Amino acid sequence: TKYWLSLLKDTNYIEERAFQSINDDAEEIGKMLWAILKTCQENTKNQKLITDNQ
């Protein structure tokens, strides 16, 4: 997504202001998805530890 946004900006398809707004949103979504992934991985590891210890 960030690649395509950069391409749109570099080809003057979207203005810098629109690019910044959308890019900031994409960055924030990326951070949220990364946090969800890390949480899921930790929960999976913890569940495996609990299961292995039973």
N, C-alpha and C. Protein backbone atom coordinates (compact mmCIF):
# COMPACT_ATOMS: atom_id res chain seq x y z
N THR A 1 0.82 -1.19 0.00
CA THR A 1 0.00 0.00 0.00
C THR A 1 0.87 1.25 0.00
N LYS A 2 1.89 1.23 0.84
CA LYS A 2 2.76 2.41 0.92
C LYS A 2 3.51 2.62 -0.40
N TYR A 3 3.87 1.55 -1.05
CA TYR A 3 4.53 1.67 -2.36
C TYR A 3 3.60 2.37 -3.35
N TRP A 4 2.35 1.90 -3.41
CA TRP A 4 1.39 2.47 -4.36
C TRP A 4 1.09 3.92 -4.03
N LEU A 5 1.01 4.23 -2.75
CA LEU A 5 0.79 5.63 -2.36
C LEU A 5 1.96 6.51 -2.82
N SER A 6 3.17 6.02 -2.64
CA SER A 6 4.34 6.77 -3.09
C SER A 6 4.32 6.95 -4.60
N LEU A 7 3.94 5.91 -5.31
CA LEU A 7 3.86 5.99 -6.76
C LEU A 7 2.82 7.03 -7.20
N LEU A 8 1.68 7.03 -6.54
CA LEU A 8 0.64 8.01 -6.86
C LEU A 8 1.13 9.44 -6.62
N LYS A 9 1.87 9.62 -5.54
CA LYS A 9 2.40 10.96 -5.23
C LYS A 9 3.48 11.35 -6.24
N ASP A 10 4.38 10.42 -6.53
CA ASP A 10 5.49 10.72 -7.43
C ASP A 10 5.03 11.00 -8.86
N THR A 11 3.90 10.47 -9.24
CA THR A 11 3.37 10.73 -10.59
C THR A 11 2.36 11.86 -10.60
N ASN A 12 2.27 12.57 -9.46
CA ASN A 12 1.36 13.70 -9.30
C ASN A 12 -0.11 13.33 -9.49
N TYR A 13 -0.43 12.08 -9.21
CA TYR A 13 -1.83 11.65 -9.27
C TYR A 13 -2.60 12.15 -8.05
N ILE A 14 -1.89 12.21 -6.91
CA ILE A 14 -2.48 12.80 -5.71
C ILE A 14 -1.54 13.89 -5.21
N GLU A 15 -2.10 14.85 -4.51
CA GLU A 15 -1.32 15.96 -3.98
C GLU A 15 -0.58 15.53 -2.71
N GLU A 16 0.43 16.28 -2.38
CA GLU A 16 1.26 15.99 -1.20
C GLU A 16 0.41 15.92 0.07
N ARG A 17 -0.53 16.83 0.20
CA ARG A 17 -1.38 16.88 1.41
C ARG A 17 -2.21 15.60 1.53
N ALA A 18 -2.81 15.16 0.44
CA ALA A 18 -3.60 13.92 0.45
C ALA A 18 -2.69 12.73 0.73
N PHE A 19 -1.50 12.75 0.11
CA PHE A 19 -0.55 11.66 0.35
C PHE A 19 -0.20 11.56 1.82
N GLN A 20 0.13 12.68 2.44
CA GLN A 20 0.52 12.68 3.85
C GLN A 20 -0.59 12.11 4.73
N SER A 21 -1.80 12.53 4.47
CA SER A 21 -2.93 12.06 5.27
C SER A 21 -3.12 10.55 5.13
N ILE A 22 -3.16 10.09 3.90
CA ILE A 22 -3.38 8.66 3.66
C ILE A 22 -2.19 7.85 4.14
N ASN A 23 -0.99 8.36 3.92
CA ASN A 23 0.22 7.64 4.34
C ASN A 23 0.27 7.52 5.86
N ASP A 24 -0.10 8.58 6.55
CA ASP A 24 -0.14 8.53 8.02
C ASP A 24 -1.14 7.48 8.49
N ASP A 25 -2.29 7.42 7.84
CA ASP A 25 -3.29 6.40 8.19
C ASP A 25 -2.75 5.00 7.93
N ALA A 26 -2.08 4.81 6.80
CA ALA A 26 -1.51 3.50 6.46
C ALA A 26 -0.45 3.10 7.48
N GLU A 27 0.34 4.06 7.91
CA GLU A 27 1.37 3.78 8.93
C GLU A 27 0.73 3.34 10.24
N GLU A 28 -0.31 4.02 10.64
CA GLU A 28 -1.01 3.68 11.88
C GLU A 28 -1.66 2.30 11.79
N ILE A 29 -2.28 2.00 10.68
CA ILE A 29 -2.88 0.68 10.48
C ILE A 29 -1.81 -0.40 10.53
N GLY A 30 -0.67 -0.13 9.91
CA GLY A 30 0.44 -1.08 9.95
C GLY A 30 0.90 -1.36 11.37
N LYS A 31 0.99 -0.33 12.17
CA LYS A 31 1.38 -0.50 13.58
C LYS A 31 0.35 -1.33 14.34
N MET A 32 -0.93 -1.08 14.08
CA MET A 32 -1.99 -1.85 14.75
C MET A 32 -1.92 -3.32 14.35
N LEU A 33 -1.74 -3.57 13.06
CA LEU A 33 -1.65 -4.96 12.59
C LEU A 33 -0.44 -5.66 13.19
N TRP A 34 0.68 -4.97 13.28
CA TRP A 34 1.88 -5.56 13.87
C TRP A 34 1.64 -5.90 15.35
N ALA A 35 0.97 -5.01 16.07
CA ALA A 35 0.67 -5.27 17.48
C ALA A 35 -0.25 -6.47 17.62
N ILE A 36 -1.24 -6.59 16.76
CA ILE A 36 -2.15 -7.74 16.79
C ILE A 36 -1.37 -9.02 16.53
N LEU A 37 -0.48 -9.00 15.54
CA LEU A 37 0.32 -10.17 15.21
C LEU A 37 1.19 -10.59 16.39
N LYS A 38 1.86 -9.62 17.02
CA LYS A 38 2.70 -9.94 18.16
C LYS A 38 1.89 -10.53 19.30
N THR A 39 0.73 -9.96 19.57
CA THR A 39 -0.14 -10.46 20.64
C THR A 39 -0.59 -11.89 20.35
N CYS A 40 -0.97 -12.15 19.11
CA CYS A 40 -1.40 -13.50 18.73
C CYS A 40 -0.26 -14.50 18.89
N GLN A 41 0.94 -14.11 18.50
CA GLN A 41 2.09 -15.00 18.63
C GLN A 41 2.38 -15.29 20.10
N GLU A 42 2.34 -14.27 20.94
CA GLU A 42 2.57 -14.45 22.36
C GLU A 42 1.50 -15.35 22.98
N ASN A 43 0.25 -15.13 22.62
CA ASN A 43 -0.83 -15.95 23.14
C ASN A 43 -0.69 -17.40 22.71
N THR A 44 -0.26 -17.62 21.48
CA THR A 44 -0.05 -18.97 20.98
C THR A 44 1.07 -19.66 21.75
N LYS A 45 2.17 -18.93 21.99
CA LYS A 45 3.28 -19.49 22.76
C LYS A 45 2.84 -19.82 24.17
N ASN A 46 2.11 -18.90 24.80
CA ASN A 46 1.64 -19.11 26.17
C ASN A 46 0.69 -20.29 26.24
N GLN A 47 -0.19 -20.42 25.27
CA GLN A 47 -1.13 -21.53 25.25
C GLN A 47 -0.40 -22.86 25.09
N LYS A 48 0.65 -22.86 24.26
CA LYS A 48 1.44 -24.08 24.05
C LYS A 48 2.15 -24.46 25.34
N LEU A 49 2.70 -23.47 26.06
CA LEU A 49 3.37 -23.74 27.33
C LEU A 49 2.39 -24.35 28.33
N ILE A 50 1.20 -23.81 28.39
CA ILE A 50 0.18 -24.31 29.32
C ILE A 50 -0.19 -25.74 28.94
N THR A 51 -0.38 -25.99 27.68
CA THR A 51 -0.76 -27.32 27.20
C THR A 51 0.35 -28.33 27.44
N ASP A 52 1.59 -27.92 27.20
CA ASP A 52 2.73 -28.82 27.39
C ASP A 52 2.94 -29.17 28.85
N ASN A 53 2.61 -28.26 29.77
CA ASN A 53 2.81 -28.48 31.20
C ASN A 53 1.70 -29.28 31.85
N GLN A 54 0.63 -29.55 31.12
CA GLN A 54 -0.49 -30.29 31.73
C GLN A 54 -0.30 -31.75 31.62
